[in-house]
Amino acid sequence: MRKSYRLAIAGFAALSLASCGIFFPTAKDRAAKKTPGFQNGYSDGCASASAQGTNYRGDKVRDDAAYQSYKHYRAGWASGFAN
């Protein structure tokens, strides 16, 4: 009984995560990650995250105009900052 209950929970969790695109990103998501805007944003976000531990003023490396205007830059910056 417990084994089947655990298996059911694991299956439900896997399906839930898969539907969110965590395991299987769409072709649109993969294409967006290849854009120059995403790559520049990722680079800036990563630099901000790396500087966060050494720079106590909390300065961010970010092109604010691109962050406001381009969704790919914004997504790349968030992804780079999180990683």
Protein backbone atom coordinates (compact mmCIF):
# COMPACT_ATOMS: atom_id res chain seq x y z
CA MET A 1 0.00 0.00 0.00
CA ARG A 2 2.73 2.46 0.95
CA LYS A 3 4.79 1.62 -2.10
CA SER A 4 1.91 2.30 -4.48
CA TYR A 5 1.11 5.55 -2.63
CA ARG A 6 4.72 6.75 -3.00
CA LEU A 7 4.74 5.74 -6.65
CA ALA A 8 1.51 7.65 -7.27
CA ILE A 9 2.91 10.79 -5.61
CA ALA A 10 6.17 10.55 -7.57
CA GLY A 11 4.24 10.12 -10.83
CA PHE A 12 2.00 13.08 -10.08
CA ALA A 13 4.99 15.27 -9.22
CA ALA A 14 6.80 14.28 -12.41
CA LEU A 15 3.77 15.06 -14.55
CA SER A 16 3.24 18.38 -12.81
CA LEU A 17 6.83 19.45 -13.36
CA ALA A 18 6.86 18.25 -16.94
CA SER A 19 3.80 20.29 -17.76
CA CYS A 20 5.58 23.41 -16.52
CA GLY A 21 8.36 22.94 -19.04
CA ILE A 22 11.07 22.16 -16.52
CA PHE A 23 12.00 18.82 -18.02
CA PHE A 24 10.94 19.40 -21.62
CA PRO A 25 11.37 23.01 -22.77
CA THR A 26 9.48 23.92 -25.90
CA ALA A 27 11.14 24.74 -29.21
CA LYS A 28 10.20 28.38 -28.60
CA ASP A 29 12.05 28.34 -25.24
CA ARG A 30 15.13 26.76 -26.78
CA ALA A 31 15.12 29.32 -29.61
CA ALA A 32 14.77 32.20 -27.15
CA LYS A 33 17.88 31.07 -25.27
CA LYS A 34 19.89 31.37 -28.50
CA THR A 35 19.03 35.03 -29.10
CA PRO A 36 21.74 37.66 -28.53
CA GLY A 37 19.44 39.47 -26.09
CA PHE A 38 19.07 36.41 -23.87
CA GLN A 39 22.79 35.68 -23.97
CA ASN A 40 23.70 39.28 -23.11
CA GLY A 41 21.17 39.29 -20.29
CA TYR A 42 22.44 35.97 -18.98
CA SER A 43 26.01 37.29 -18.97
CA ASP A 44 24.99 40.46 -17.12
CA GLY A 45 22.85 38.55 -14.61
CA CYS A 46 25.67 36.13 -13.91
CA ALA A 47 28.08 39.04 -13.40
CA SER A 48 25.61 40.64 -10.99
CA ALA A 49 25.27 37.44 -8.98
CA SER A 50 29.04 36.99 -8.83
CA ALA A 51 29.62 40.59 -7.76
CA GLN A 52 26.90 40.39 -5.12
CA GLY A 53 29.12 38.48 -2.71
CA THR A 54 32.10 40.81 -3.16
CA ASN A 55 30.41 44.16 -3.70
CA TYR A 56 28.58 45.22 -0.57
CA ARG A 57 26.97 48.23 -2.26
CA GLY A 58 24.83 45.84 -4.26
CA ASP A 59 25.53 47.32 -7.68
CA LYS A 60 23.91 45.38 -10.50
CA VAL A 61 25.39 44.78 -13.92
CA ARG A 62 22.38 45.43 -16.09
CA ASP A 63 21.42 47.40 -19.19
CA ASP A 64 18.27 49.04 -17.82
CA ALA A 65 17.00 50.12 -21.25
CA ALA A 66 17.28 46.57 -22.58
CA TYR A 67 15.81 45.17 -19.34
CA GLN A 68 12.71 47.35 -19.75
CA SER A 69 12.33 46.80 -23.50
CA TYR A 70 13.32 43.22 -24.36
CA LYS A 71 11.72 40.19 -22.77
CA HIS A 72 14.59 37.92 -23.89
CA TYR A 73 17.17 40.14 -22.15
CA ARG A 74 14.98 40.22 -19.03
CA ALA A 75 14.59 36.42 -19.03
CA GLY A 76 18.31 35.92 -19.63
CA TRP A 77 19.25 38.32 -16.83
CA ALA A 78 16.95 36.52 -14.37
CA SER A 79 18.29 33.13 -15.41
CA GLY A 80 21.92 34.25 -15.12
CA PHE A 81 21.30 35.87 -11.74
CA ALA A 82 19.62 32.72 -10.40
CA ASN A 83 22.44 30.43 -11.54
